[in-house]
Amino acid sequence: MRGSSAESFTRISSQQARAIADGADAARMAENMFTAVAVFRSNPSFRRAATDPTAEFENRSAMLREVFGKHFEPAATEVLATAGGSRWASSVDMVDSLERLGVIAVARAADSAGEADRLEGEMFTFDNVISENPALRQALTDRTRSVEDKQALLRSLLASKACSGTVRLAEQAVVGNYPTVRHAFADYARLVTEARGRLLARVVVAQPLSEDAQLRLVDVLSRQYDKPVHLNIVIDPETIGGIQVEIGDEVIDGTVASRLSDAQRRLAG
């Protein structure tokens, strides 16, 4: 998101953070945000009315307070009212922003419960499980299976092994506005890490990094980006050697496979 949508997301994100810091229940906030997302996505006319640029912002805010105020926590209702009173490039941007707020609230709840590190690790681990299990990927993308069936499948896989935040985000991933569950998990993992004031670095290497090597890499990246960095390490023998680091849209590729590919292109040219 860019322009007005990015500014509006910053506005409602800051409001939610203040509300949670002031005592609002983060887990309930997450549920309220996800419920609102479901309502908006299932009612396109309501979604358009909530972001109609020809309507007065105050009227849009009042409409959302009236719709959600009887069912949601006061803090969540006010965040939604602010969203209605903000400018969005598209109605979809508003709904996607509310989903992100839900993910961030799950991260805040995990932090309060002392499970933030566990949540970060489990998000990455389960993404790898999906990647390495074709049958599971097929089951989660099967359009003949209901959302409820997919959520039940995920709960059966995670309930006894993962924290409540991981389970909740897995359930949301199958109803979110993402091409695949893996796309959802990648975005959710980034949001969870950023909610803790850190950057997420995806590190691809041919062999596992020693603990000392990981600490040195964290130190180098943290100084380079002026922010704490969390590593998600992927072992890929095809890289042959070296290291590839992805942070956001930036890729630092120092793998042997990449250098060989570059050399082949120069020779072919």
Protein backbone atom coordinates (compact mmCIF):
# COMPACT_ATOMS: atom_id res chain seq x y z
CA MET A 1 0.00 0.00 0.00
CA ARG A 2 1.12 3.51 -0.79
CA GLY A 3 -0.12 7.06 -0.62
CA SER A 4 -3.32 7.64 1.30
CA SER A 5 -3.75 3.97 2.20
CA ALA A 6 -0.27 3.77 3.73
CA GLU A 7 -0.92 6.91 5.76
CA SER A 8 -4.28 5.60 6.96
CA PHE A 9 -2.75 2.26 7.95
CA THR A 10 -0.10 4.06 10.00
CA ARG A 11 -2.86 6.04 11.68
CA ILE A 12 -5.00 3.08 12.74
CA SER A 13 -1.96 0.97 13.61
CA SER A 14 -0.74 3.65 16.00
CA GLN A 15 -4.21 3.94 17.51
CA GLN A 16 -4.42 0.19 18.10
CA ALA A 17 -0.93 0.16 19.67
CA ARG A 18 -1.91 2.94 22.07
CA ALA A 19 -5.14 1.15 23.00
CA ILE A 20 -3.30 -2.09 23.81
CA ALA A 21 -0.63 -0.18 25.75
CA ASP A 22 -3.44 1.43 27.75
CA GLY A 23 -4.90 -1.93 28.71
CA ALA A 24 -7.09 -3.12 25.84
CA ASP A 25 -7.08 -6.92 25.52
CA ALA A 26 -4.88 -7.74 22.51
CA ALA A 27 -6.43 -11.17 21.89
CA ARG A 28 -9.94 -9.73 21.82
CA MET A 29 -8.71 -6.91 19.60
CA ALA A 30 -7.39 -9.50 17.15
CA GLU A 31 -10.70 -11.38 17.11
CA ASN A 32 -12.63 -8.17 16.55
CA MET A 33 -10.38 -7.18 13.65
CA PHE A 34 -10.64 -10.59 12.00
CA THR A 35 -14.42 -10.59 12.44
CA ALA A 36 -14.68 -7.15 10.87
CA VAL A 37 -12.54 -8.34 7.96
CA ALA A 38 -14.90 -11.28 7.40
CA VAL A 39 -17.92 -8.95 7.47
CA PHE A 40 -16.41 -6.56 4.96
CA ARG A 41 -15.26 -9.29 2.60
CA SER A 42 -18.64 -10.98 2.59
CA ASN A 43 -20.51 -7.69 2.06
CA PRO A 44 -18.94 -5.72 -0.83
CA SER A 45 -21.61 -3.01 -0.74
CA PHE A 46 -20.96 -2.39 2.97
CA ARG A 47 -17.21 -2.32 2.32
CA ARG A 48 -17.65 0.27 -0.42
CA ALA A 49 -19.93 2.37 1.76
CA ALA A 50 -17.31 2.35 4.54
CA THR A 51 -14.71 3.82 2.18
CA ASP A 52 -16.92 5.90 -0.14
CA PRO A 53 -14.83 9.01 -0.96
CA THR A 54 -17.98 11.04 -1.67
CA ALA A 55 -19.35 10.46 1.85
CA GLU A 56 -18.43 12.57 4.85
CA PHE A 57 -15.75 10.95 7.00
CA GLU A 58 -17.83 11.58 10.14
CA ASN A 59 -20.79 9.73 8.64
CA ARG A 60 -18.64 6.75 7.70
CA SER A 61 -17.20 6.62 11.22
CA ALA A 62 -20.65 6.83 12.77
CA MET A 63 -21.88 3.99 10.54
CA LEU A 64 -19.09 1.68 11.67
CA ARG A 65 -19.63 2.55 15.32
CA GLU A 66 -23.29 1.70 14.96
CA VAL A 67 -22.65 -1.61 13.19
CA PHE A 68 -19.82 -2.90 15.37
CA GLY A 69 -20.23 -1.03 18.66
CA LYS A 70 -22.83 -3.42 20.09
CA HIS A 71 -20.63 -6.47 19.54
CA PHE A 72 -16.99 -5.37 19.77
CA GLU A 73 -14.72 -4.09 22.50
CA PRO A 74 -14.82 -0.26 22.72
CA ALA A 75 -11.15 0.09 21.72
CA ALA A 76 -11.64 -2.07 18.62
CA THR A 77 -14.79 -0.17 17.68
CA GLU A 78 -12.89 3.11 17.82
CA VAL A 79 -10.12 1.75 15.62
CA LEU A 80 -12.74 0.73 13.07
CA ALA A 81 -14.40 4.13 13.34
CA THR A 82 -11.04 5.76 12.62
CA ALA A 83 -10.60 3.47 9.64
CA GLY A 84 -13.98 4.63 8.35
CA GLY A 85 -12.94 8.23 8.88
CA SER A 86 -9.72 7.80 6.89
CA ARG A 87 -8.86 8.05 3.22
CA TRP A 88 -8.15 4.85 1.31
CA ALA A 89 -7.00 4.31 -2.26
CA SER A 90 -9.43 1.38 -2.43
CA SER A 91 -11.87 -0.41 -0.15
CA VAL A 92 -9.70 -3.52 -0.37
CA ASP A 93 -6.79 -1.60 1.14
CA MET A 94 -8.84 -0.82 4.23
CA VAL A 95 -9.86 -4.43 4.74
CA ASP A 96 -6.34 -5.72 4.18
CA SER A 97 -5.12 -3.16 6.73
CA LEU A 98 -7.60 -4.40 9.31
CA GLU A 99 -6.40 -7.96 8.77
CA ARG A 100 -2.84 -6.79 9.39
CA LEU A 101 -3.97 -5.11 12.60
CA GLY A 102 -5.44 -8.45 13.67
CA VAL A 103 -2.11 -10.18 13.05
CA ILE A 104 -0.25 -7.48 14.98
CA ALA A 105 -2.71 -7.83 17.86
CA VAL A 106 -2.04 -11.60 17.94
CA ALA A 107 1.67 -10.78 18.21
CA ARG A 108 0.97 -8.34 21.07
CA ALA A 109 -1.07 -10.99 22.87
CA ALA A 110 1.74 -13.52 22.47
CA ASP A 111 4.20 -10.98 23.82
CA SER A 112 2.02 -10.43 26.90
CA ALA A 113 1.83 -14.19 27.44
CA GLY A 114 5.60 -14.60 27.13
CA GLU A 115 5.19 -16.54 23.88
CA ALA A 116 6.49 -14.03 21.33
CA ASP A 117 9.69 -15.95 20.53
CA ARG A 118 7.72 -19.17 20.28
CA LEU A 119 5.21 -17.58 17.91
CA GLU A 120 7.95 -16.29 15.61
CA GLY A 121 9.66 -19.66 15.51
CA GLU A 122 6.48 -21.63 14.93
CA MET A 123 5.38 -19.40 12.07
CA PHE A 124 8.61 -20.16 10.25
CA THR A 125 8.58 -23.86 11.14
CA PHE A 126 5.02 -24.41 9.96
CA ASP A 127 5.73 -22.55 6.72
CA ASN A 128 8.49 -25.12 6.11
CA VAL A 129 6.09 -27.95 6.94
CA ILE A 130 3.68 -26.71 4.27
CA SER A 131 6.53 -26.28 1.80
CA GLU A 132 7.76 -29.84 2.29
CA ASN A 133 4.34 -31.52 2.31
CA PRO A 134 2.62 -31.55 -1.12
CA ALA A 135 -0.44 -33.36 0.24
CA LEU A 136 -0.98 -30.65 2.86
CA ARG A 137 -0.53 -27.88 0.29
CA GLN A 138 -3.08 -29.54 -1.95
CA ALA A 139 -5.56 -29.92 0.91
CA LEU A 140 -5.21 -26.24 1.84
CA THR A 141 -5.70 -25.04 -1.75
CA ASP A 142 -8.50 -27.49 -2.65
CA ARG A 143 -11.47 -25.31 -3.62
CA THR A 144 -13.89 -28.14 -3.00
CA ARG A 145 -13.04 -28.13 0.70
CA SER A 146 -14.77 -25.61 2.92
CA VAL A 147 -12.92 -23.01 4.94
CA GLU A 148 -14.17 -24.67 8.11
CA ASP A 149 -12.75 -28.02 6.95
CA LYS A 150 -9.35 -26.45 6.23
CA GLN A 151 -9.33 -24.73 9.61
CA ALA A 152 -10.19 -28.00 11.33
CA LEU A 153 -7.31 -29.67 9.50
CA LEU A 154 -4.89 -27.00 10.67
CA ARG A 155 -6.14 -27.20 14.25
CA SER A 156 -5.64 -30.98 14.23
CA LEU A 157 -2.05 -30.49 13.08
CA LEU A 158 -1.17 -27.62 15.42
CA ALA A 159 -3.41 -27.66 18.49
CA SER A 160 -1.18 -29.84 20.69
CA LYS A 161 2.11 -28.57 19.27
CA ALA A 162 1.78 -24.81 18.78
CA CYS A 163 0.87 -21.78 20.85
CA SER A 164 -2.60 -20.26 20.53
CA GLY A 165 -1.30 -17.39 18.39
CA THR A 166 0.12 -19.74 15.76
CA VAL A 167 -3.13 -21.70 15.63
CA ARG A 168 -5.18 -18.52 15.26
CA LEU A 169 -3.03 -17.15 12.47
CA ALA A 170 -3.14 -20.50 10.68
CA GLU A 171 -6.94 -20.38 10.82
CA GLN A 172 -6.93 -16.84 9.44
CA ALA A 173 -4.49 -17.74 6.67
CA VAL A 174 -7.07 -19.89 4.86
CA VAL A 175 -9.63 -17.07 4.75
CA GLY A 176 -7.28 -14.16 4.10
CA ASN A 177 -6.87 -12.33 0.81
CA TYR A 178 -3.73 -14.21 -0.21
CA PRO A 179 -2.98 -16.50 -3.19
CA THR A 180 -1.89 -19.34 -0.89
CA VAL A 181 -1.56 -20.12 2.80
CA ARG A 182 2.22 -19.86 2.42
CA HIS A 183 1.89 -16.30 1.08
CA ALA A 184 -0.25 -15.47 4.11
CA PHE A 185 2.23 -17.03 6.53
CA ALA A 186 5.13 -15.12 4.98
CA ASP A 187 3.31 -11.80 5.41
CA TYR A 188 2.07 -12.70 8.88
CA ALA A 189 5.59 -13.71 9.97
CA ARG A 190 6.95 -10.36 8.80
CA LEU A 191 4.22 -8.48 10.68
CA VAL A 192 4.78 -10.52 13.85
CA THR A 193 8.50 -9.75 13.76
CA GLU A 194 8.00 -6.06 12.96
CA ALA A 195 5.49 -5.77 15.81
CA ARG A 196 8.42 -6.52 18.11
CA GLY A 197 10.51 -3.75 16.56
CA ARG A 198 12.67 -6.16 14.59
CA LEU A 199 13.35 -6.95 10.93
CA LEU A 200 12.84 -10.43 9.50
CA ALA A 201 15.74 -11.79 7.47
CA ARG A 202 15.33 -14.94 5.40
CA VAL A 203 18.75 -16.53 5.14
CA VAL A 204 19.43 -19.25 2.55
CA VAL A 205 22.58 -21.37 2.99
CA ALA A 206 23.81 -24.73 1.76
CA GLN A 207 24.61 -26.02 5.26
CA PRO A 208 23.46 -25.07 8.78
CA LEU A 209 25.14 -22.03 10.31
CA SER A 210 26.88 -22.41 13.62
CA GLU A 211 25.56 -20.44 16.57
CA ASP A 212 28.59 -18.12 16.39
CA ALA A 213 28.01 -17.52 12.68
CA GLN A 214 24.37 -16.69 13.33
CA LEU A 215 25.30 -14.23 16.06
CA ARG A 216 27.84 -12.52 13.80
CA LEU A 217 25.30 -12.28 10.97
CA VAL A 218 22.68 -10.82 13.31
CA ASP A 219 25.21 -8.27 14.53
CA VAL A 220 26.22 -7.24 11.00
CA LEU A 221 22.63 -6.95 9.74
CA SER A 222 21.43 -5.15 12.86
CA ARG A 223 24.16 -2.54 12.47
CA GLN A 224 23.54 -2.22 8.74
CA TYR A 225 19.76 -1.69 9.13
CA ASP A 226 19.96 0.04 12.51
CA LYS A 227 17.34 -2.31 13.94
CA PRO A 228 17.34 -5.73 15.66
CA VAL A 229 17.13 -8.59 13.15
CA HIS A 230 15.50 -12.02 13.49
CA LEU A 231 16.89 -14.80 11.27
CA ASN A 232 14.84 -17.46 9.53
CA ILE A 233 17.40 -19.90 8.13
CA VAL A 234 16.59 -22.07 5.10
CA ILE A 235 18.91 -24.93 4.14
CA ASP A 236 19.15 -25.31 0.36
CA PRO A 237 22.00 -27.53 -0.94
CA GLU A 238 21.51 -26.12 -4.45
CA THR A 239 23.07 -22.84 -3.31
CA ILE A 240 26.36 -24.86 -3.14
CA GLY A 241 27.98 -22.35 -0.80
CA GLY A 242 27.86 -18.76 0.35
CA ILE A 243 24.76 -17.06 1.68
CA GLN A 244 21.64 -15.26 0.46
CA VAL A 245 19.80 -12.80 2.70
CA GLU A 246 16.34 -11.41 2.00
CA ILE A 247 15.04 -8.49 4.07
CA GLY A 248 11.79 -7.05 2.77
CA ASP A 249 12.25 -6.35 -0.95
CA GLU A 250 16.05 -6.34 -0.69
CA VAL A 251 18.11 -9.40 -1.60
CA ILE A 252 21.79 -9.78 -0.81
CA ASP A 253 22.95 -12.77 -2.87
CA GLY A 254 26.43 -14.07 -2.18
CA THR A 255 25.84 -17.72 -3.04
CA VAL A 256 28.15 -19.76 -5.24
CA ALA A 257 25.16 -20.79 -7.38
CA SER A 258 24.39 -17.14 -8.05
CA ARG A 259 27.98 -16.35 -9.02
CA LEU A 260 28.09 -19.35 -11.35
CA SER A 261 24.82 -18.28 -12.95
CA ASP A 262 26.19 -14.76 -13.47
CA ALA A 263 29.34 -16.16 -15.06
CA GLN A 264 27.30 -18.34 -17.41
CA ARG A 265 25.23 -15.35 -18.49
CA ARG A 266 28.34 -13.29 -19.21
CA LEU A 267 29.85 -16.12 -21.24
CA ALA A 268 26.61 -16.58 -23.17
CA GLY A 269 26.48 -12.83 -23.87
